[in-house]
C-alpha atoms as a PDB file:
ATOM      1  CA  MET A   1      -5.791  51.017  -5.747  1.00  0.00           C
ATOM      2  CA  GLY A   2      -4.312  48.641  -8.309  1.00  0.00           C
ATOM      3  CA  PHE A   3      -7.010  46.170  -9.267  1.00  0.00           C
ATOM      4  CA  GLY A   4      -5.370  45.427 -12.611  1.00  0.00           C
ATOM      5  CA  LEU A   5      -8.106  45.669 -15.207  1.00  0.00           C
ATOM      6  CA  TYR A   6     -10.763  46.078 -12.478  1.00  0.00           C
ATOM      7  CA  SER A   7     -12.384  42.805 -13.539  1.00  0.00           C
ATOM      8  CA  LEU A   8     -14.249  40.757 -10.952  1.00  0.00           C
ATOM      9  CA  PRO A   9     -11.722  37.868 -11.023  1.00  0.00           C
ATOM     10  CA  ALA A  10      -8.874  40.305 -10.431  1.00  0.00           C
ATOM     11  CA  ILE A  11     -10.683  41.843  -7.463  1.00  0.00           C
ATOM     12  CA  VAL A  12     -11.409  38.381  -6.003  1.00  0.00           C
ATOM     13  CA  ILE A  13      -7.766  37.323  -6.342  1.00  0.00           C
ATOM     14  CA  GLU A  14      -6.492  40.521  -4.751  1.00  0.00           C
ATOM     15  CA  VAL A  15      -8.904  40.362  -1.814  1.00  0.00           C
ATOM     16  CA  ALA A  16      -8.139  36.659  -1.238  1.00  0.00           C
ATOM     17  CA  LEU A  17      -4.398  37.344  -1.156  1.00  0.00           C
ATOM     18  CA  ILE A  18      -4.819  40.257   1.239  1.00  0.00           C
ATOM     19  CA  VAL A  19      -7.019  38.167   3.547  1.00  0.00           C
ATOM     20  CA  HIS A  20      -4.467  35.350   3.531  1.00  0.00           C
ATOM     21  CA  CYS A  21      -1.695  37.831   4.229  1.00  0.00           C
ATOM     22  CA  LEU A  22      -3.562  39.287   7.229  1.00  0.00           C
ATOM     23  CA  ARG A  23      -4.611  35.923   8.663  1.00  0.00           C
ATOM     24  CA  THR A  24      -1.105  34.505   8.503  1.00  0.00           C
ATOM     25  CA  GLY A  25       0.538  37.609   9.931  1.00  0.00           C
ATOM     26  CA  ARG A  26       2.702  38.432   6.940  1.00  0.00           C
ATOM     27  CA  ASN A  27       4.744  41.607   6.662  1.00  0.00           C
ATOM     28  CA  TRP A  28       2.558  44.585   5.649  1.00  0.00           C
ATOM     29  CA  LEU A  29       4.886  45.182   2.694  1.00  0.00           C
ATOM     30  CA  TRP A  30       3.256  42.168   1.052  1.00  0.00           C
ATOM     31  CA  ILE A  31      -0.103  43.949   1.135  1.00  0.00           C
ATOM     32  CA  LEU A  32       1.443  46.964  -0.591  1.00  0.00           C
ATOM     33  CA  ALA A  33       2.922  44.688  -3.269  1.00  0.00           C
ATOM     34  CA  ILE A  34      -0.412  42.898  -3.774  1.00  0.00           C
ATOM     35  CA  VAL A  35      -2.376  46.146  -4.039  1.00  0.00           C
ATOM     36  CA  PHE A  36      -0.017  48.366  -6.017  1.00  0.00           C
ATOM     37  CA  LEU A  37       1.954  45.879  -8.138  1.00  0.00           C
ATOM     38  CA  PRO A  38      -0.550  43.547  -9.780  1.00  0.00           C
ATOM     39  CA  PRO A  39      -0.037  40.986 -11.194  1.00  0.00           C
ATOM     40  CA  LEU A  40       3.684  40.867 -10.289  1.00  0.00           C
ATOM     41  CA  GLY A  41       2.887  41.270  -6.600  1.00  0.00           C
ATOM     42  CA  TRP A  42       0.388  38.391  -6.783  1.00  0.00           C
ATOM     43  CA  ILE A  43       2.868  36.127  -8.556  1.00  0.00           C
ATOM     44  CA  ALA A  44       5.619  36.956  -6.073  1.00  0.00           C
ATOM     45  CA  TYR A  45       3.322  36.237  -3.109  1.00  0.00           C
ATOM     46  CA  GLY A  46       2.294  32.927  -4.670  1.00  0.00           C
ATOM     47  CA  ILE A  47       5.863  31.809  -5.286  1.00  0.00           C
ATOM     48  CA  VAL A  48       7.390  33.020  -2.011  1.00  0.00           C
ATOM     49  CA  VAL A  49       4.497  32.350   0.405  1.00  0.00           C
ATOM     50  CA  LEU A  50       1.743  30.126  -0.982  1.00  0.00           C
ATOM     51  CA  LEU A  51       3.721  27.431  -2.800  1.00  0.00           C
ATOM     52  CA  PRO A  52       6.096  26.628   0.097  1.00  0.00           C
ATOM     53  CA  ALA A  53       3.103  26.466   2.448  1.00  0.00           C
ATOM     54  CA  MET A  54       1.215  24.158   0.093  1.00  0.00           C
ATOM     55  CA  PHE A  55       4.094  21.791  -0.529  1.00  0.00           C
ATOM     56  CA  GLY A  56       5.027  21.732   3.134  1.00  0.00           C
ATOM     57  CA  SER A  57       1.744  20.104   4.117  1.00  0.00           C
ATOM     58  CA  ARG A  58       1.465  16.336   4.539  1.00  0.00           C
ATOM     59  CA  GLY A  59      -1.210  16.049   1.860  1.00  0.00           C
ATOM     60  CA  ALA A  60       0.809  18.064  -0.625  1.00  0.00           C
ATOM     61  CA  ARG A  61       3.945  16.054   0.065  1.00  0.00           C
ATOM     62  CA  SER A  62       1.984  12.866  -0.468  1.00  0.00           C
ATOM     63  CA  ALA A  63       0.570  14.181  -3.736  1.00  0.00           C
ATOM     64  CA  VAL A  64       4.028  15.189  -4.923  1.00  0.00           C
ATOM     65  CA  ARG A  65       5.411  11.740  -4.070  1.00  0.00           C
ATOM     66  CA  GLY A  66       2.543  10.134  -5.951  1.00  0.00           C
ATOM     67  CA  MET A  67       3.201  12.326  -8.970  1.00  0.00           C
ATOM     68  CA  ARG A  68       6.894  11.486  -8.900  1.00  0.00           C
ATOM     69  CA  ARG A  69       6.124   7.762  -8.728  1.00  0.00           C
ATOM     70  CA  ALA A  70       3.765   8.074 -11.685  1.00  0.00           C
ATOM     71  CA  LEU A  71       6.394   9.901 -13.739  1.00  0.00           C
ATOM     72  CA  ASP A  72       9.281   7.697 -12.589  1.00  0.00           C
ATOM     73  CA  PRO A  73       8.007   4.342 -11.240  1.00  0.00           C
ATOM     74  CA  ALA A  74      11.506   2.988 -10.639  1.00  0.00           C
ATOM     75  CA  GLN A  75      12.616   5.918  -8.483  1.00  0.00           C
ATOM     76  CA  ASP A  76      12.215   4.096  -5.148  1.00  0.00           C
ATOM     77  CA  LEU A  77      13.850   0.981  -6.564  1.00  0.00           C
ATOM     78  CA  ARG A  78      16.957   2.917  -7.586  1.00  0.00           C
ATOM     79  CA  ARG A  79      17.079   4.701  -4.252  1.00  0.00           C
ATOM     80  CA  TYR A  80      16.944   1.451  -2.265  1.00  0.00           C
ATOM     81  CA  GLU A  81      19.539  -0.138  -4.537  1.00  0.00           C
ATOM     82  CA  THR A  82      21.845   2.813  -3.899  1.00  0.00           C
ATOM     83  CA  GLU A  83      21.311   2.437  -0.143  1.00  0.00           C
ATOM     84  CA  VAL A  84      22.243  -1.249  -0.339  1.00  0.00           C
ATOM     85  CA  HIS A  85      25.490  -0.418  -2.137  1.00  0.00           C
ATOM     86  CA  ARG A  86      26.237   2.409   0.293  1.00  0.00           C
ATOM     87  CA  THR A  87      25.365   0.798   3.640  1.00  0.00           C
ATOM     88  CA  GLY A  88      24.698  -2.886   2.991  1.00  0.00           C
ATOM     89  CA  ASP A  89      22.642  -3.109   6.186  1.00  0.00           C
ATOM     90  CA  VAL A  90      19.651  -5.376   6.731  1.00  0.00           C
ATOM     91  CA  ALA A  91      17.034  -2.618   6.597  1.00  0.00           C
ATOM     92  CA  SER A  92      18.228  -1.364   3.207  1.00  0.00           C
ATOM     93  CA  ARG A  93      18.276  -4.907   1.817  1.00  0.00           C
ATOM     94  CA  GLN A  94      14.746  -5.504   3.065  1.00  0.00           C
ATOM     95  CA  HIS A  95      13.452  -2.313   1.454  1.00  0.00           C
ATOM     96  CA  TYR A  96      15.244  -3.155  -1.778  1.00  0.00           C
ATOM     97  CA  ALA A  97      13.821  -6.675  -1.855  1.00  0.00           C
ATOM     98  CA  GLU A  98      10.278  -5.404  -1.261  1.00  0.00           C
ATOM     99  CA  ALA A  99      10.702  -2.911  -4.098  1.00  0.00           C
ATOM    100  CA  LEU A 100      11.984  -5.674  -6.391  1.00  0.00           C
ATOM    101  CA  ILE A 101       8.860  -7.746  -5.695  1.00  0.00           C
ATOM    102  CA  HIS A 102       6.686  -4.724  -6.376  1.00  0.00           C
ATOM    103  CA  HIS A 103       8.401  -4.283  -9.741  1.00  0.00           C
ATOM    104  CA  GLY A 104       7.957  -7.919 -10.745  1.00  0.00           C
ATOM    105  CA  ARG A 105      11.548  -8.974 -10.059  1.00  0.00           C
ATOM    106  CA  ALA A 106      10.841 -11.559  -7.382  1.00  0.00           C
ATOM    107  CA  ARG A 107      13.703 -13.885  -8.319  1.00  0.00           C
ATOM    108  CA  GLU A 108      16.179 -11.103  -7.631  1.00  0.00           C
ATOM    109  CA  ALA A 109      14.377 -10.350  -4.373  1.00  0.00           C
ATOM    110  CA  VAL A 110      14.956 -13.957  -3.241  1.00  0.00           C
ATOM    111  CA  ASP A 111      18.714 -13.457  -3.518  1.00  0.00           C
ATOM    112  CA  VAL A 112      18.572 -10.152  -1.638  1.00  0.00           C
ATOM    113  CA  TYR A 113      16.553 -11.697   1.202  1.00  0.00           C
ATOM    114  CA  ARG A 114      18.991 -14.600   1.441  1.00  0.00           C
ATOM    115  CA  GLN A 115      21.847 -12.127   1.798  1.00  0.00           C
ATOM    116  CA  ALA A 116      19.977 -10.348   4.590  1.00  0.00           C
ATOM    117  CA  LEU A 117      19.237 -13.615   6.452  1.00  0.00           C
ATOM    118  CA  SER A 118      22.653 -13.985   8.046  1.00  0.00           C
ATOM    119  CA  GLY A 119      24.362 -13.471  11.372  1.00  0.00           C
ATOM    120  CA  LEU A 120      22.040 -12.087  14.025  1.00  0.00           C
ATOM    121  CA  TYR A 121      19.235 -11.985  11.464  1.00  0.00           C
ATOM    122  CA  GLU A 122      19.547 -15.588  10.327  1.00  0.00           C
ATOM    123  CA  SER A 123      16.147 -16.486  11.805  1.00  0.00           C
ATOM    124  CA  ASP A 124      14.444 -13.095  11.665  1.00  0.00           C
ATOM    125  CA  PRO A 125      10.720 -13.867  11.133  1.00  0.00           C
ATOM    126  CA  ASN A 126       9.970 -10.769   9.081  1.00  0.00           C
ATOM    127  CA  LEU A 127      12.867 -11.435   6.737  1.00  0.00           C
ATOM    128  CA  MET A 128      11.869 -15.093   6.420  1.00  0.00           C
ATOM    129  CA  LEU A 129       8.311 -14.034   5.639  1.00  0.00           C
ATOM    130  CA  GLY A 130       9.661 -11.662   2.998  1.00  0.00           C
ATOM    131  CA  LEU A 131      11.743 -14.465   1.513  1.00  0.00           C
ATOM    132  CA  ALA A 132       8.693 -16.741   1.359  1.00  0.00           C
ATOM    133  CA  ARG A 133       6.676 -14.002  -0.331  1.00  0.00           C
ATOM    134  CA  ALA A 134       9.448 -13.509  -2.914  1.00  0.00           C
ATOM    135  CA  GLN A 135       9.634 -17.256  -3.521  1.00  0.00           C
ATOM    136  CA  PHE A 136       5.864 -17.431  -3.968  1.00  0.00           C
ATOM    137  CA  GLU A 137       5.831 -14.517  -6.408  1.00  0.00           C
ATOM    138  CA  ALA A 138       8.666 -16.202  -8.315  1.00  0.00           C
ATOM    139  CA  GLY A 139       6.542 -19.344  -8.687  1.00  0.00           C
ATOM    140  CA  ALA A 140       8.591 -21.443  -6.256  1.00  0.00           C
ATOM    141  CA  TYR A 141       5.560 -22.500  -4.214  1.00  0.00           C
ATOM    142  CA  GLY A 142       7.164 -25.497  -2.542  1.00  0.00           C
ATOM    143  CA  GLU A 143      10.132 -23.389  -1.440  1.00  0.00           C
ATOM    144  CA  ALA A 144       7.774 -20.727  -0.102  1.00  0.00           C
ATOM    145  CA  ARG A 145       5.879 -23.329   1.943  1.00  0.00           C
ATOM    146  CA  ALA A 146       9.119 -24.814   3.279  1.00  0.00           C
ATOM    147  CA  THR A 147      10.399 -21.361   4.261  1.00  0.00           C
ATOM    148  CA  LEU A 148       7.177 -20.628   6.142  1.00  0.00           C
ATOM    149  CA  GLU A 149       7.372 -23.955   7.971  1.00  0.00           C
ATOM    150  CA  GLU A 150      10.980 -23.228   8.906  1.00  0.00           C
ATOM    151  CA  LEU A 151       9.919 -19.754  10.040  1.00  0.00           C
ATOM    152  CA  MET A 152       7.427 -21.206  12.528  1.00  0.00           C
ATOM    153  CA  LYS A 153       9.898 -23.852  13.664  1.00  0.00           C
ATOM    154  CA  ARG A 154      12.480 -21.211  14.502  1.00  0.00           C
ATOM    155  CA  ASN A 155       9.984 -18.598  15.771  1.00  0.00           C
ATOM    156  CA  PRO A 156       7.107 -20.515  17.394  1.00  0.00           C
ATOM    157  CA  GLY A 157       5.723 -17.388  19.037  1.00  0.00           C
ATOM    158  CA  PHE A 158       5.513 -15.383  15.818  1.00  0.00           C
ATOM    159  CA  GLN A 159       1.893 -14.515  15.025  1.00  0.00           C
ATOM    160  CA  SER A 160       1.127 -13.152  11.571  1.00  0.00           C
ATOM    161  CA  PRO A 161      -2.123 -13.344   9.595  1.00  0.00           C
ATOM    162  CA  ASP A 162      -0.125 -12.554   6.446  1.00  0.00           C
ATOM    163  CA  ARG A 163       2.140 -15.549   7.122  1.00  0.00           C
ATOM    164  CA  HIS A 164      -0.908 -17.778   7.643  1.00  0.00           C
ATOM    165  CA  LEU A 165      -2.622 -16.592   4.450  1.00  0.00           C
ATOM    166  CA  LEU A 166       0.540 -17.010   2.392  1.00  0.00           C
ATOM    167  CA  TYR A 167       0.926 -20.534   3.740  1.00  0.00           C
ATOM    168  CA  ALA A 168      -2.614 -21.415   2.641  1.00  0.00           C
ATOM    169  CA  ARG A 169      -1.951 -19.930  -0.794  1.00  0.00           C
ATOM    170  CA  ALA A 170       1.289 -21.906  -1.146  1.00  0.00           C
ATOM    171  CA  LEU A 171      -0.523 -25.142  -0.288  1.00  0.00           C
ATOM    172  CA  GLU A 172      -3.219 -24.313  -2.833  1.00  0.00           C
ATOM    173  CA  ALA A 173      -0.637 -23.521  -5.507  1.00  0.00           C
ATOM    174  CA  GLU A 174       1.035 -26.866  -4.839  1.00  0.00           C
ATOM    175  CA  GLY A 175      -2.302 -28.612  -5.370  1.00  0.00           C
ATOM    176  CA  ASN A 176      -2.791 -29.685  -1.748  1.00  0.00           C
ATOM    177  CA  VAL A 177      -6.440 -28.637  -1.651  1.00  0.00           C
ATOM    178  CA  PRO A 178      -7.536 -30.368   1.614  1.00  0.00           C
ATOM    179  CA  ARG A 179      -4.759 -28.769   3.654  1.00  0.00           C
ATOM    180  CA  ALA A 180      -5.202 -25.425   1.885  1.00  0.00           C
ATOM    181  CA  LEU A 181      -8.910 -25.399   2.764  1.00  0.00           C
ATOM    182  CA  GLU A 182      -8.041 -26.192   6.367  1.00  0.00           C
ATOM    183  CA  GLU A 183      -5.555 -23.311   6.556  1.00  0.00           C
ATOM    184  CA  TYR A 184      -7.913 -20.890   4.783  1.00  0.00           C
ATOM    185  CA  ALA A 185     -10.666 -21.774   7.251  1.00  0.00           C
ATOM    186  CA  GLY A 186      -8.314 -20.999  10.116  1.00  0.00           C
ATOM    187  CA  VAL A 187      -6.930 -17.704   8.839  1.00  0.00           C
ATOM    188  CA  THR A 188     -10.334 -16.420   7.721  1.00  0.00           C
ATOM    189  CA  ARG A 189     -11.498 -16.409  11.333  1.00  0.00           C
ATOM    190  CA  TYR A 190      -9.070 -13.657  12.328  1.00  0.00           C
ATOM    191  CA  TYR A 191      -7.744 -12.033   9.139  1.00  0.00           C
ATOM    192  CA  ALA A 192      -8.530  -8.307   9.256  1.00  0.00           C
ATOM    193  CA  GLY A 193      -9.197  -7.798   5.548  1.00  0.00           C
ATOM    194  CA  ALA A 194     -11.497  -9.510   3.080  1.00  0.00           C
ATOM    195  CA  GLU A 195      -8.830 -11.278   1.015  1.00  0.00           C
ATOM    196  CA  ALA A 196      -8.636 -14.438   3.112  1.00  0.00           C
ATOM    197  CA  ALA A 197     -12.400 -15.053   3.008  1.00  0.00           C
ATOM    198  CA  VAL A 198     -12.573 -14.426  -0.737  1.00  0.00           C
ATOM    199  CA  ARG A 199      -9.690 -16.791  -1.488  1.00  0.00           C
ATOM    200  CA  TYR A 200     -11.226 -19.409   0.815  1.00  0.00           C
ATOM    201  CA  ALA A 201     -14.566 -19.126  -0.974  1.00  0.00           C
ATOM    202  CA  GLN A 202     -12.910 -19.302  -4.386  1.00  0.00           C
ATOM    203  CA  LEU A 203     -11.181 -22.565  -3.499  1.00  0.00           C
ATOM    204  CA  LEU A 204     -14.362 -23.940  -1.948  1.00  0.00           C
ATOM    205  CA  GLY A 205     -16.274 -23.184  -5.126  1.00  0.00           C
ATOM    206  CA  ALA A 206     -13.558 -24.636  -7.355  1.00  0.00           C
ATOM    207  CA  SER A 207     -13.476 -27.855  -5.321  1.00  0.00           C
ATOM    208  CA  GLY A 208     -17.228 -28.472  -5.459  1.00  0.00           C
ATOM    209  CA  HIS A 209     -18.378 -26.880  -2.188  1.00  0.00           C
ATOM    210  CA  ALA A 210     -20.608 -24.193  -3.685  1.00  0.00           C
ATOM    211  CA  ALA A 211     -23.013 -23.961  -0.758  1.00  0.00           C
ATOM    212  CA  GLN A 212     -20.207 -23.427   1.739  1.00  0.00           C
ATOM    213  CA  ALA A 213     -18.539 -20.898  -0.566  1.00  0.00           C
ATOM    214  CA  ARG A 214     -21.823 -19.000  -0.818  1.00  0.00           C
ATOM    215  CA  SER A 215     -22.124 -18.939   2.966  1.00  0.00           C
ATOM    216  CA  VAL A 216     -18.584 -17.554   3.401  1.00  0.00           C
ATOM    217  CA  LEU A 217     -19.118 -14.825   0.815  1.00  0.00           C
ATOM    218  CA  GLN A 218     -22.549 -13.841   2.086  1.00  0.00           C
ATOM    219  CA  GLU A 219     -21.258 -13.506   5.640  1.00  0.00           C
ATOM    220  CA  LEU A 220     -18.342 -11.392   4.427  1.00  0.00           C
ATOM    221  CA  LEU A 221     -20.597  -9.032   2.466  1.00  0.00           C
ATOM    222  CA  ASP A 222     -23.160  -8.786   5.274  1.00  0.00           C
ATOM    223  CA  ASN A 223     -20.453  -7.814   7.751  1.00  0.00           C
ATOM    224  CA  ALA A 224     -18.973  -5.318   5.290  1.00  0.00           C
ATOM    225  CA  ARG A 225     -22.280  -3.430   4.997  1.00  0.00           C
ATOM    226  CA  SER A 226     -22.134  -2.539   8.687  1.00  0.00           C
ATOM    227  CA  ALA A 227     -18.380  -1.912   8.701  1.00  0.00           C
ATOM    228  CA  PRO A 228     -16.902   1.625   8.760  1.00  0.00           C
ATOM    229  CA  ARG A 229     -16.662   3.411   5.435  1.00  0.00           C
ATOM    230  CA  TYR A 230     -12.862   3.423   5.476  1.00  0.00           C
ATOM    231  CA  TYR A 231     -12.888  -0.397   5.691  1.00  0.00           C
ATOM    232  CA  ARG A 232     -15.166  -0.697   2.665  1.00  0.00           C
ATOM    233  CA  ARG A 233     -12.982   1.758   0.792  1.00  0.00           C
ATOM    234  CA  MET A 234      -9.745  -0.084   1.620  1.00  0.00           C
ATOM    235  CA  GLN A 235     -11.255  -3.485   0.850  1.00  0.00           C
ATOM    236  CA  ARG A 236     -13.143  -2.393  -2.254  1.00  0.00           C
ATOM    237  CA  HIS A 237     -11.272  -4.702  -4.636  1.00  0.00           C
ATOM    238  CA  TRP A 238     -11.934  -7.805  -2.560  1.00  0.00           C
ATOM    239  CA  LEU A 239     -15.534  -6.885  -1.802  1.00  0.00           C
ATOM    240  CA  VAL A 240     -16.258  -6.375  -5.502  1.00  0.00           C
ATOM    241  CA  THR A 241     -14.581  -9.727  -6.177  1.00  0.00           C
ATOM    242  CA  ALA A 242     -16.741 -11.318  -3.476  1.00  0.00           C
ATOM    243  CA  GLU A 243     -19.919  -9.996  -5.098  1.00  0.00           C
ATOM    244  CA  HIS A 244     -18.806 -11.311  -8.479  1.00  0.00           C
ATOM    245  CA  GLU A 245     -17.935 -14.723  -7.043  1.00  0.00           C
ATOM    246  CA  LEU A 246     -21.246 -14.927  -5.210  1.00  0.00           C
ATOM    247  CA  SER A 247     -23.253 -14.138  -8.335  1.00  0.00           C
ATOM    248  CA  SER A 248     -21.358 -16.778 -10.341  1.00  0.00           C
ATOM    249  CA  LEU A 249     -21.923 -19.639  -7.892  1.00  0.00           C
ATOM    250  CA  PRO A 250     -24.526 -22.224  -8.904  1.00  0.00           C
ATOM    251  CA  GLY A 251     -27.773 -22.464  -6.970  1.00  0.00           C
END
């Protein structure tokens, strides 16, 4: 039998390939190639059988996408831009605008959202929320607030914690602290993540309400300790920020 140099690693590789071949019901000719044609048979089996199986899995596809993004961060941006030029539909414009925001080009995203907000989609709440987010990221806080108010005027039944949080942030950025605190207090009661509570506590602390800020942060951290692990993992950034804010509060 062809074990190559008869080393232990070679034997382990050959046995592992044969086991995989048997368990997956491959043609018996593969076993002959693995046994009698090492290492060419091993390499061929890896290229023809193992690699396609690996890269066909959801986890592998996700890893490949992540690697491609790391090597070419603007890949998605170019793809969405091409889709806009090719189709010009609302969905492609929305994806393109979101990608522009992600790449720090919020002012361009504002124009793309405005183009999408026309015809049947003139009052679309998700597009209006996207526009407000782009305006906020571009530093146009008053415009973002006005867009969100117009959103609720045109879509009174639209419920969105993200819309509520962005509205509080816009008020804060404009310097309207009393109203911002009021909105933060409201959204914190039902916002699924930790961001709303942390931002609320930060503004409380900055406006001289240290005791109340401490209470908000302590409640958030106490609840997080009994929350599922996946929640703590997803909210790690904000929970770490909450701990830092709590330790820096006076008293």
